[in-house]
Amino acid sequence: MDQITQIIAVLGVFLYWLILGGVATRIVIKRRSVGVSFSWLLIIYFLPFVGVIAYLLFGELHLGKARSSRSKAMYKPYADWFSALYQHNAHQPERQSDYASSISKLCDVQLNIPSLTANELVLQQTPEQILNSIISDINHAETLIDMEFYIWHPGGLADEVAIALINASNRGVSVKLLLDAAGSRLFFKSSWPSKMRNAGINVVAALKVSPLRMFFRRMDLRLHRKIVVIDNTVGYTGSMNLVDPKCFKQSDGVGEWIDIMVRITGPVVPVMNTVSAWDWEVETNERILPDMPPEAHCTDTSSLVQAIPSGPGMPEEVIHQVLLQSLYQAEHKIIITTPYFVPSEQLLDALVTASLRGVDVNIIIPRKNDSTMVKWASSSFFTELLAAGVTIHQFNGGLLHTKSVLIDEEHCLIGTVNMDMRSLWLNFELTLAVDDVKFAARLGQLVQAYMDDSDILTDEEWQQRPMYKRFIEQVFYLFSPLL
């Protein structure tokens, strides 16, 4: 009996090391960044069994068999739709600045989506302004309303948006609402979904989470886009979820969330609507491609905009590539706002190099963060950044959730993307590259207000932190590529 037990134990150990070796080999041959591969190798070797299971569940980008099949079948019709935009009169590459030209060429190759001019952009920066504007546009909707958000949290002005949608549906407007199942779980537990469905609104939970699904799809894959499109003519995107900050996460001790949205009219709105239609079809298998934008007319206030979606089924790391290209092009000043700062090796190198070659690099992050892991991982990069002369601003006015990059006060990126690997590699995201000095100036005024309400972290102050914090930072640094 003892001999049989020993044989079983030896076979078990051999089988485990065989599985471990197989997973380790797969991690290496995937040819991701060294940091990501190293972090996973640490996990699978230092957390027996648990590490292997974690990698199988979260280590690779599994969209799921049904969604993957749909995505492949969707490529051609959506590619044809986007390709037609190159013949649209709003595609005027001769109007692009040097900043926009290189990004546009990258997106031409990677996404086959052109930049378009003749867009009118309004930067909105308070919850009241944003939500009341959305409500007003919903109240004037005539044919369709398409909305998708990571989080819809009931309460306050968010409920007023829900009432406006119900009223719109009751007067004959087609309303589709796509919400991330995990991010909006409290919404789906509330009475609002049934009220909306009773009014004829098509409410869908994207990427549902359940124990059974974890064997067929990566569970932490999330729909992180924030898109509102009304009548295919008015659009919104930015960092704000469908929440009233006065009613959202009040017990977290980080203050109210600070966000921005951009209200858009012009030919880029149907592009945003087509991105939303892609997400809808991936989830529901229902194709509703929007109409092409009508002929456009430029004005003195028009902006040239490149829409840049990312996520499973789309070219990998496209927003990461655009962000790197923007940093490489900077000549004078970079201002980044992000709630979650866990950069890739390439982004860290681009920021350090920009500062060393004389660019004024500024990073604005919230002083208090709702994610302890991100807080420690983010801190692990400060020493290198400060040594290179990067200025780190710690915002005091709440949880700064705005996601923006301003380059030389002339060109900007604005949208849903955090500066972490989850946003840049995993989630469904949307960024707008705006090539307009006037709009960049308005964003510049806003981020300057953020900096005015921040404390600058000095290198002297940073060097005085206790040893235990340095140790914790290094531990989280090892796993930062996975956060």
Protein backbone atom coordinates (compact mmCIF):
# COMPACT_ATOMS: atom_id res chain seq x y z
CA MET A 1 0.00 0.00 0.00
CA ASP A 2 2.82 2.39 0.90
CA GLN A 3 4.53 1.59 -2.40
CA ILE A 4 1.34 2.39 -4.35
CA THR A 5 0.98 5.65 -2.45
CA GLN A 6 4.57 6.57 -3.28
CA ILE A 7 4.04 5.77 -6.97
CA ILE A 8 0.87 7.90 -7.05
CA ALA A 9 2.73 10.74 -5.31
CA VAL A 10 5.61 10.56 -7.78
CA LEU A 11 3.23 10.45 -10.75
CA GLY A 12 1.31 13.39 -9.30
CA VAL A 13 4.46 15.45 -8.87
CA PHE A 14 5.62 14.49 -12.38
CA LEU A 15 2.23 15.42 -13.86
CA TYR A 16 2.21 18.75 -12.03
CA TRP A 17 5.71 19.66 -13.25
CA LEU A 18 4.73 18.57 -16.73
CA ILE A 19 1.72 20.94 -16.63
CA LEU A 20 3.86 23.65 -15.08
CA GLY A 21 6.47 23.27 -17.82
CA GLY A 22 3.78 23.34 -20.49
CA VAL A 23 2.21 26.53 -19.12
CA ALA A 24 5.63 28.16 -18.72
CA THR A 25 6.51 27.28 -22.30
CA ARG A 26 3.23 28.75 -23.52
CA ILE A 27 3.89 31.96 -21.58
CA VAL A 28 7.28 32.31 -23.28
CA ILE A 29 6.14 31.50 -26.83
CA LYS A 30 3.26 34.03 -26.61
CA ARG A 31 6.02 36.66 -26.99
CA ARG A 32 4.38 39.33 -24.87
CA SER A 33 6.43 41.96 -23.08
CA VAL A 34 9.17 40.61 -20.83
CA GLY A 35 7.49 42.15 -17.78
CA VAL A 36 4.16 40.40 -18.41
CA SER A 37 5.84 37.05 -19.04
CA PHE A 38 8.07 37.40 -15.97
CA SER A 39 5.12 38.25 -13.72
CA TRP A 40 3.16 35.19 -14.84
CA LEU A 41 6.19 32.93 -14.41
CA LEU A 42 6.58 34.20 -10.85
CA ILE A 43 2.94 33.46 -10.13
CA ILE A 44 2.87 29.92 -11.51
CA TYR A 45 6.15 28.89 -9.82
CA PHE A 46 5.60 30.51 -6.42
CA LEU A 47 1.88 29.74 -6.09
CA PRO A 48 1.60 25.98 -6.73
CA PHE A 49 -1.63 24.91 -8.47
CA VAL A 50 -3.24 28.31 -7.83
CA GLY A 51 -0.84 30.03 -10.22
CA VAL A 52 -1.52 27.56 -13.03
CA ILE A 53 -5.29 27.87 -12.57
CA ALA A 54 -5.00 31.67 -12.46
CA TYR A 55 -3.10 31.69 -15.75
CA LEU A 56 -5.60 29.38 -17.44
CA LEU A 57 -8.44 31.68 -16.33
CA PHE A 58 -6.85 35.11 -16.72
CA GLY A 59 -3.58 34.72 -18.58
CA GLU A 60 -4.81 34.88 -22.15
CA LEU A 61 -7.33 36.89 -24.11
CA HIS A 62 -10.22 34.44 -24.49
CA LEU A 63 -13.32 36.20 -25.85
CA GLY A 64 -15.29 32.97 -25.90
CA LYS A 65 -16.11 30.66 -28.81
CA ALA A 66 -19.43 32.27 -29.79
CA ARG A 67 -18.13 35.83 -29.62
CA SER A 68 -14.92 34.93 -31.45
CA SER A 69 -16.91 33.31 -34.27
CA ARG A 70 -19.15 36.35 -34.54
CA SER A 71 -16.19 38.71 -34.57
CA LYS A 72 -14.56 36.86 -37.47
CA ALA A 73 -17.79 36.97 -39.46
CA MET A 74 -18.13 40.70 -38.73
CA TYR A 75 -14.73 41.79 -40.06
CA LYS A 76 -15.66 42.28 -43.70
CA PRO A 77 -18.97 44.21 -43.37
CA TYR A 78 -17.52 46.52 -40.76
CA ALA A 79 -14.27 46.92 -42.68
CA ASP A 80 -16.29 47.83 -45.78
CA TRP A 81 -18.24 50.42 -43.78
CA PHE A 82 -15.08 52.05 -42.43
CA SER A 83 -13.33 51.86 -45.82
CA ALA A 84 -16.13 53.85 -47.42
CA LEU A 85 -15.23 56.78 -45.16
CA TYR A 86 -12.02 57.31 -47.13
CA GLN A 87 -14.22 58.60 -49.97
CA HIS A 88 -16.19 60.91 -47.67
CA ASN A 89 -15.61 64.63 -48.06
CA ALA A 90 -14.79 64.88 -44.31
CA HIS A 91 -11.64 62.83 -44.89
CA GLN A 92 -9.16 65.62 -45.59
CA PRO A 93 -5.66 64.39 -44.69
CA GLU A 94 -4.16 67.61 -46.02
CA ARG A 95 -5.65 69.37 -42.96
CA GLN A 96 -3.75 67.16 -40.51
CA SER A 97 -0.96 68.55 -38.39
CA ASP A 98 2.30 66.61 -38.10
CA TYR A 99 0.99 65.15 -34.82
CA ALA A 100 -2.21 63.90 -36.44
CA SER A 101 -0.59 62.69 -39.64
CA SER A 102 1.57 60.00 -38.02
CA ILE A 103 -1.28 58.79 -35.80
CA SER A 104 -3.65 58.73 -38.76
CA LYS A 105 -1.22 56.65 -40.82
CA LEU A 106 -0.91 54.20 -37.94
CA CYS A 107 -4.71 53.92 -37.66
CA ASP A 108 -5.05 53.56 -41.44
CA VAL A 109 -2.88 50.45 -41.30
CA GLN A 110 -4.07 49.00 -38.01
CA LEU A 111 -7.78 49.87 -38.03
CA ASN A 112 -8.62 51.06 -41.55
CA ILE A 113 -10.49 53.96 -39.93
CA PRO A 114 -9.71 57.45 -41.31
CA SER A 115 -9.56 60.72 -39.43
CA LEU A 116 -12.48 63.02 -40.20
CA THR A 117 -12.84 66.78 -39.99
CA ALA A 118 -15.92 69.03 -39.63
CA ASN A 119 -16.65 67.88 -36.07
CA GLU A 120 -17.89 70.23 -33.36
CA LEU A 121 -16.65 69.32 -29.86
CA VAL A 122 -17.79 70.64 -26.50
CA LEU A 123 -15.70 69.74 -23.45
CA GLN A 124 -17.98 69.09 -20.45
CA GLN A 125 -16.45 68.86 -16.99
CA THR A 126 -19.07 68.76 -14.25
CA PRO A 127 -21.53 65.91 -13.54
CA GLU A 128 -24.47 68.31 -13.66
CA GLN A 129 -23.42 69.73 -17.02
CA ILE A 130 -22.76 66.27 -18.50
CA LEU A 131 -25.88 64.49 -17.27
CA ASN A 132 -28.26 67.39 -17.91
CA SER A 133 -26.85 67.72 -21.43
CA ILE A 134 -27.42 64.01 -22.08
CA ILE A 135 -30.96 64.29 -20.69
CA SER A 136 -31.67 67.28 -22.93
CA ASP A 137 -30.44 65.47 -26.04
CA ILE A 138 -32.46 62.36 -25.10
CA ASN A 139 -35.56 64.53 -24.75
CA HIS A 140 -34.99 65.81 -28.30
CA ALA A 141 -34.26 62.39 -29.81
CA GLU A 142 -36.43 61.48 -32.81
CA THR A 143 -35.37 58.03 -34.05
CA LEU A 144 -32.71 56.21 -32.03
CA ILE A 145 -30.62 56.24 -28.88
CA ASP A 146 -27.66 53.89 -28.44
CA MET A 147 -25.82 53.87 -25.11
CA GLU A 148 -23.09 51.71 -23.63
CA PHE A 149 -21.30 52.10 -20.32
CA TYR A 150 -19.06 50.16 -18.01
CA ILE A 151 -20.95 51.36 -14.92
CA TRP A 152 -24.53 52.51 -14.55
CA HIS A 153 -25.14 53.22 -10.88
CA PRO A 154 -28.71 54.14 -9.82
CA GLY A 155 -29.33 57.34 -7.89
CA GLY A 156 -29.48 61.10 -8.36
CA LEU A 157 -29.26 62.41 -11.91
CA ALA A 158 -28.60 58.90 -13.24
CA ASP A 159 -32.24 58.13 -12.43
CA GLU A 160 -33.29 61.23 -14.38
CA VAL A 161 -31.43 59.83 -17.39
CA ALA A 162 -33.33 56.55 -16.97
CA ILE A 163 -36.66 58.39 -16.86
CA ALA A 164 -35.73 60.36 -19.99
CA LEU A 165 -34.92 57.09 -21.81
CA ILE A 166 -38.26 55.56 -20.78
CA ASN A 167 -40.09 58.65 -22.00
CA ALA A 168 -38.19 58.55 -25.29
CA SER A 169 -39.07 54.90 -25.82
CA ASN A 170 -42.72 55.61 -25.02
CA ARG A 171 -42.84 58.21 -27.80
CA GLY A 172 -41.46 55.75 -30.36
CA VAL A 173 -37.68 56.23 -30.20
CA SER A 174 -35.64 53.02 -30.57
CA VAL A 175 -33.48 52.73 -27.43
CA LYS A 176 -30.65 50.21 -26.96
CA LEU A 177 -28.68 50.03 -23.72
CA LEU A 178 -25.54 47.85 -23.42
CA LEU A 179 -23.96 47.71 -19.98
CA ASP A 180 -21.05 45.71 -18.63
CA ALA A 181 -22.49 42.99 -16.41
CA ALA A 182 -19.83 43.30 -13.70
CA GLY A 183 -19.46 47.08 -13.66
CA SER A 184 -23.23 47.63 -13.64
CA ARG A 185 -24.21 44.77 -11.33
CA LEU A 186 -26.02 47.09 -8.90
CA PHE A 187 -28.05 48.50 -11.79
CA PHE A 188 -29.12 45.00 -12.84
CA LYS A 189 -30.12 44.24 -9.24
CA SER A 190 -32.31 47.35 -9.14
CA SER A 191 -35.83 47.87 -10.50
CA TRP A 192 -34.62 49.93 -13.46
CA PRO A 193 -33.98 47.09 -15.97
CA SER A 194 -37.55 45.80 -15.68
CA LYS A 195 -38.98 49.32 -15.87
CA MET A 196 -36.97 50.01 -19.00
CA ARG A 197 -37.83 46.70 -20.66
CA ASN A 198 -41.52 47.24 -19.90
CA ALA A 199 -41.21 50.54 -21.77
CA GLY A 200 -39.70 48.78 -24.80
CA ILE A 201 -36.04 49.55 -24.17
CA ASN A 202 -33.63 46.80 -25.21
CA VAL A 203 -31.38 46.38 -22.14
CA VAL A 204 -28.47 43.93 -22.50
CA ALA A 205 -25.81 42.87 -20.00
CA ALA A 206 -22.45 42.44 -21.72
CA LEU A 207 -19.88 39.81 -20.73
CA LYS A 208 -21.92 38.17 -18.01
CA VAL A 209 -19.99 36.74 -15.09
CA SER A 210 -20.73 33.26 -13.77
CA PRO A 211 -18.72 30.25 -12.48
CA LEU A 212 -19.59 28.22 -15.58
CA ARG A 213 -18.44 30.90 -18.05
CA MET A 214 -14.96 31.08 -16.55
CA PHE A 215 -14.08 27.84 -18.35
CA PHE A 216 -14.97 29.32 -21.74
CA ARG A 217 -14.00 33.01 -21.53
CA ARG A 218 -11.57 35.19 -19.64
CA MET A 219 -13.58 36.53 -16.70
CA ASP A 220 -11.90 39.89 -16.19
CA LEU A 221 -12.51 41.00 -19.78
CA ARG A 222 -14.66 44.11 -19.51
CA LEU A 223 -16.66 46.49 -21.70
CA HIS A 224 -15.05 49.74 -20.57
CA ARG A 225 -16.31 52.08 -23.30
CA LYS A 226 -18.57 55.02 -22.53
CA ILE A 227 -20.61 55.95 -25.60
CA VAL A 228 -23.88 57.79 -26.14
CA VAL A 229 -25.23 58.28 -29.67
CA ILE A 230 -28.52 60.04 -30.40
CA ASP A 231 -30.11 60.02 -33.88
CA ASN A 232 -26.67 59.18 -35.32
CA THR A 233 -25.89 62.91 -35.13
CA VAL A 234 -25.02 63.65 -31.50
CA GLY A 235 -22.44 61.67 -29.56
CA TYR A 236 -20.73 61.58 -26.18
CA THR A 237 -17.62 59.82 -24.96
CA GLY A 238 -15.04 60.37 -22.26
CA SER A 239 -14.19 59.08 -18.82
CA MET A 240 -17.53 59.37 -17.03
CA ASN A 241 -19.73 56.38 -16.30
CA LEU A 242 -23.49 56.82 -16.06
CA VAL A 243 -23.35 57.78 -12.39
CA ASP A 244 -24.12 60.77 -10.23
CA PRO A 245 -20.91 61.19 -8.16
CA LYS A 246 -22.96 62.43 -5.22
CA CYS A 247 -24.56 58.98 -5.02
CA PHE A 248 -21.61 56.83 -6.07
CA LYS A 249 -19.00 55.13 -3.84
CA GLN A 250 -19.44 57.65 -1.06
CA SER A 251 -18.01 55.25 1.53
CA ASP A 252 -14.66 54.68 -0.22
CA GLY A 253 -13.01 57.70 1.38
CA VAL A 254 -11.58 59.05 -1.88
CA GLY A 255 -14.01 61.90 -2.48
CA GLU A 256 -16.26 62.39 -5.50
CA TRP A 257 -15.09 61.11 -8.86
CA ILE A 258 -13.91 63.86 -11.22
CA ASP A 259 -14.63 63.22 -14.91
CA ILE A 260 -15.03 64.78 -18.32
CA MET A 261 -17.10 63.99 -21.39
CA VAL A 262 -16.99 65.40 -24.91
CA ARG A 263 -20.26 66.22 -26.70
CA ILE A 264 -19.74 65.74 -30.42
CA THR A 265 -21.63 66.52 -33.59
CA GLY A 266 -20.25 65.76 -37.02
CA PRO A 267 -19.10 62.79 -39.11
CA VAL A 268 -17.18 61.06 -36.31
CA VAL A 269 -20.49 60.38 -34.50
CA PRO A 270 -21.56 57.61 -36.93
CA VAL A 271 -18.06 56.14 -36.49
CA MET A 272 -18.65 55.98 -32.74
CA ASN A 273 -22.06 54.49 -33.42
CA THR A 274 -20.48 51.79 -35.59
CA VAL A 275 -18.06 50.94 -32.76
CA SER A 276 -21.11 50.64 -30.50
CA ALA A 277 -22.85 48.52 -33.16
CA TRP A 278 -19.83 46.19 -33.17
CA ASP A 279 -20.14 45.67 -29.40
CA TRP A 280 -23.89 45.13 -29.73
CA GLU A 281 -23.47 42.48 -32.42
CA VAL A 282 -20.67 40.69 -30.55
CA GLU A 283 -23.00 40.38 -27.57
CA THR A 284 -26.38 39.81 -29.25
CA ASN A 285 -25.60 38.56 -32.79
CA GLU A 286 -27.85 41.37 -34.07
CA ARG A 287 -26.41 43.58 -36.82
CA ILE A 288 -27.54 47.22 -36.90
CA LEU A 289 -24.96 49.13 -38.91
CA PRO A 290 -25.71 52.88 -38.86
CA ASP A 291 -26.08 55.12 -41.88
CA MET A 292 -22.99 56.76 -43.29
CA PRO A 293 -22.46 60.39 -42.21
CA PRO A 294 -23.98 63.02 -44.51
CA GLU A 295 -21.80 65.44 -46.44
CA ALA A 296 -19.80 67.56 -44.01
CA HIS A 297 -19.07 71.27 -43.93
CA CYS A 298 -16.13 72.75 -42.04
CA THR A 299 -16.38 75.88 -39.92
CA ASP A 300 -13.91 77.97 -37.95
CA THR A 301 -14.67 75.83 -34.89
CA SER A 302 -14.39 72.41 -36.56
CA SER A 303 -12.06 69.76 -35.17
CA LEU A 304 -10.27 66.93 -36.96
CA VAL A 305 -10.84 63.71 -35.00
CA GLN A 306 -9.46 60.19 -35.23
CA ALA A 307 -11.62 57.57 -33.50
CA ILE A 308 -9.49 54.75 -32.06
CA PRO A 309 -11.33 51.70 -30.67
CA SER A 310 -9.52 48.78 -29.12
CA GLY A 311 -10.32 45.45 -27.56
CA PRO A 312 -10.69 41.77 -28.43
CA GLY A 313 -11.35 41.25 -32.13
CA MET A 314 -9.44 44.43 -33.00
CA PRO A 315 -5.69 44.88 -33.60
CA GLU A 316 -3.75 44.34 -30.38
CA GLU A 317 -2.34 47.33 -28.51
CA VAL A 318 -3.44 49.91 -31.08
CA ILE A 319 -4.15 52.56 -28.43
CA HIS A 320 -0.86 51.67 -26.75
CA GLN A 321 0.90 52.29 -30.06
CA VAL A 322 -0.91 55.61 -30.56
CA LEU A 323 -0.01 56.72 -27.06
CA LEU A 324 3.66 55.85 -27.58
CA GLN A 325 3.70 57.69 -30.91
CA SER A 326 2.21 60.78 -29.25
CA LEU A 327 4.86 60.76 -26.52
CA TYR A 328 7.67 60.29 -29.03
CA GLN A 329 6.47 63.33 -31.02
CA ALA A 330 6.25 65.71 -28.05
CA GLU A 331 8.66 68.63 -28.30
CA HIS A 332 7.77 70.93 -25.41
CA LYS A 333 5.18 69.62 -22.95
CA ILE A 334 3.24 66.50 -21.99
CA ILE A 335 0.36 66.51 -19.49
CA ILE A 336 -1.25 63.18 -18.60
CA THR A 337 -4.27 62.70 -16.35
CA THR A 338 -5.15 59.18 -15.26
CA PRO A 339 -6.67 57.59 -12.15
CA TYR A 340 -4.68 54.37 -12.56
CA PHE A 341 -1.04 54.81 -13.52
CA VAL A 342 0.69 51.47 -14.08
CA PRO A 343 2.61 52.01 -17.32
CA SER A 344 4.12 49.40 -19.57
CA GLU A 345 7.89 49.20 -19.91
CA GLN A 346 7.64 51.04 -23.24
CA LEU A 347 5.48 53.84 -21.82
CA LEU A 348 7.76 54.31 -18.83
CA ASP A 349 10.76 54.52 -21.14
CA ALA A 350 8.98 56.99 -23.43
CA LEU A 351 8.11 59.27 -20.49
CA VAL A 352 11.61 59.12 -18.99
CA THR A 353 13.24 59.70 -22.38
CA ALA A 354 10.95 62.64 -23.15
CA SER A 355 11.86 64.29 -19.86
CA LEU A 356 15.58 63.68 -20.36
CA ARG A 357 15.48 65.31 -23.80
CA GLY A 358 13.96 68.46 -22.32
CA VAL A 359 10.21 67.94 -22.60
CA ASP A 360 8.21 69.20 -19.60
CA VAL A 361 6.46 65.97 -18.54
CA ASN A 362 3.57 66.20 -16.07
CA ILE A 363 1.53 63.32 -14.65
CA ILE A 364 -1.61 64.11 -12.65
CA ILE A 365 -2.99 61.31 -10.49
CA PRO A 366 -5.40 61.29 -7.53
CA ARG A 367 -3.82 61.51 -4.08
CA LYS A 368 -6.31 58.92 -2.83
CA ASN A 369 -7.12 55.88 -4.95
CA ASP A 370 -9.93 53.36 -4.71
CA SER A 371 -7.56 50.52 -5.65
CA THR A 372 -4.91 49.65 -3.07
CA MET A 373 -3.02 47.40 -5.50
CA VAL A 374 -2.86 50.11 -8.15
CA LYS A 375 -1.78 52.67 -5.57
CA TRP A 376 1.25 50.60 -4.54
CA ALA A 377 2.08 49.50 -8.09
CA SER A 378 1.86 53.10 -9.30
CA SER A 379 4.20 54.26 -6.54
CA SER A 380 6.82 51.77 -7.63
CA PHE A 381 7.49 53.86 -10.76
CA PHE A 382 7.91 57.21 -9.00
CA THR A 383 11.62 56.89 -8.20
CA GLU A 384 12.63 56.48 -11.84
CA LEU A 385 10.24 59.20 -13.03
CA LEU A 386 11.34 61.74 -10.43
CA ALA A 387 15.01 61.03 -11.10
CA ALA A 388 14.39 61.85 -14.78
CA GLY A 389 12.73 65.16 -13.91
CA VAL A 390 9.09 64.16 -14.45
CA THR A 391 6.66 66.23 -12.36
CA ILE A 392 4.09 64.16 -10.44
CA HIS A 393 0.99 66.07 -9.33
CA GLN A 394 -1.17 64.49 -6.63
CA PHE A 395 -4.72 65.79 -7.04
CA ASN A 396 -6.56 66.70 -3.84
CA GLY A 397 -10.08 67.37 -5.13
CA GLY A 398 -11.41 63.81 -5.26
CA LEU A 399 -10.74 60.72 -7.31
CA LEU A 400 -9.49 62.22 -10.55
CA HIS A 401 -10.97 59.83 -13.12
CA THR A 402 -10.27 61.92 -16.24
CA LYS A 403 -8.21 60.12 -18.88
CA SER A 404 -6.39 62.53 -21.18
CA VAL A 405 -3.04 63.22 -22.81
CA LEU A 406 -2.16 66.75 -23.96
CA ILE A 407 0.85 67.12 -26.27
CA ASP A 408 2.56 70.51 -26.76
CA GLU A 409 -0.78 72.23 -26.03
CA GLU A 410 -1.80 71.44 -29.62
CA HIS A 411 -2.88 67.80 -29.87
CA CYS A 412 -4.71 65.58 -27.40
CA LEU A 413 -6.01 62.10 -26.70
CA ILE A 414 -9.20 61.87 -24.71
CA GLY A 415 -11.46 58.92 -23.93
CA THR A 416 -11.92 55.86 -21.73
CA VAL A 417 -8.37 54.51 -21.47
CA ASN A 418 -6.46 54.33 -18.20
CA MET A 419 -2.68 54.20 -18.34
CA ASP A 420 -2.47 50.59 -17.25
CA MET A 421 -2.12 47.30 -19.04
CA ARG A 422 -5.73 46.33 -18.44
CA SER A 423 -6.98 49.26 -20.52
CA LEU A 424 -4.18 49.11 -23.08
CA TRP A 425 -4.27 45.36 -23.69
CA LEU A 426 -7.49 43.83 -22.40
CA ASN A 427 -10.66 45.92 -22.24
CA PHE A 428 -12.99 47.27 -24.92
CA GLU A 429 -11.96 50.95 -25.01
CA LEU A 430 -12.34 54.10 -27.13
CA THR A 431 -10.00 57.07 -27.50
CA LEU A 432 -10.37 60.17 -29.66
CA ALA A 433 -7.25 61.83 -31.05
CA VAL A 434 -8.26 65.46 -31.47
CA ASP A 435 -6.19 67.62 -33.80
CA ASP A 436 -7.39 71.10 -32.92
CA VAL A 437 -5.38 73.81 -31.16
CA LYS A 438 -8.53 75.52 -29.85
CA PHE A 439 -9.91 72.35 -28.27
CA ALA A 440 -6.46 71.54 -26.88
CA ALA A 441 -6.39 74.99 -25.27
CA ARG A 442 -9.71 74.29 -23.52
CA LEU A 443 -8.38 70.97 -22.27
CA GLY A 444 -5.20 72.74 -21.21
CA GLN A 445 -7.19 75.16 -19.03
CA LEU A 446 -8.94 72.22 -17.37
CA VAL A 447 -5.79 70.22 -16.61
CA GLN A 448 -4.12 73.39 -15.34
CA ALA A 449 -7.00 73.68 -12.85
CA TYR A 450 -6.30 70.08 -11.83
CA MET A 451 -2.63 70.95 -11.28
CA ASP A 452 -3.59 74.03 -9.26
CA ASP A 453 -5.55 71.74 -6.94
CA SER A 454 -2.64 69.30 -6.58
CA ASP A 455 0.53 68.95 -4.53
CA ILE A 456 3.78 68.29 -6.37
CA LEU A 457 5.65 65.23 -5.14
CA THR A 458 9.31 66.22 -4.71
CA ASP A 459 12.23 63.84 -5.00
CA GLU A 460 13.39 64.86 -1.49
CA GLU A 461 9.99 64.02 -0.01
CA TRP A 462 9.89 60.73 -1.87
CA GLN A 463 13.32 59.62 -0.66
CA GLN A 464 12.19 60.03 2.97
CA ARG A 465 9.44 57.39 2.78
CA PRO A 466 9.96 54.46 5.21
CA MET A 467 11.59 51.19 4.22
CA TYR A 468 8.42 49.11 4.61
CA LYS A 469 6.73 51.17 1.89
CA ARG A 470 9.69 50.61 -0.44
CA PHE A 471 9.38 46.88 0.14
CA ILE A 472 5.65 46.85 -0.60
CA GLU A 473 6.22 48.91 -3.76
CA GLN A 474 8.77 46.42 -5.04
CA VAL A 475 6.44 43.49 -4.41
CA PHE A 476 3.66 45.16 -6.41
CA TYR A 477 6.15 46.26 -9.07
CA LEU A 478 6.82 42.59 -9.87
CA PHE A 479 3.14 42.07 -10.69
CA SER A 480 2.38 45.52 -12.13
CA PRO A 481 2.24 44.26 -15.76
CA LEU A 482 -0.84 42.23 -14.82
CA LEU A 483 -2.82 44.99 -13.05
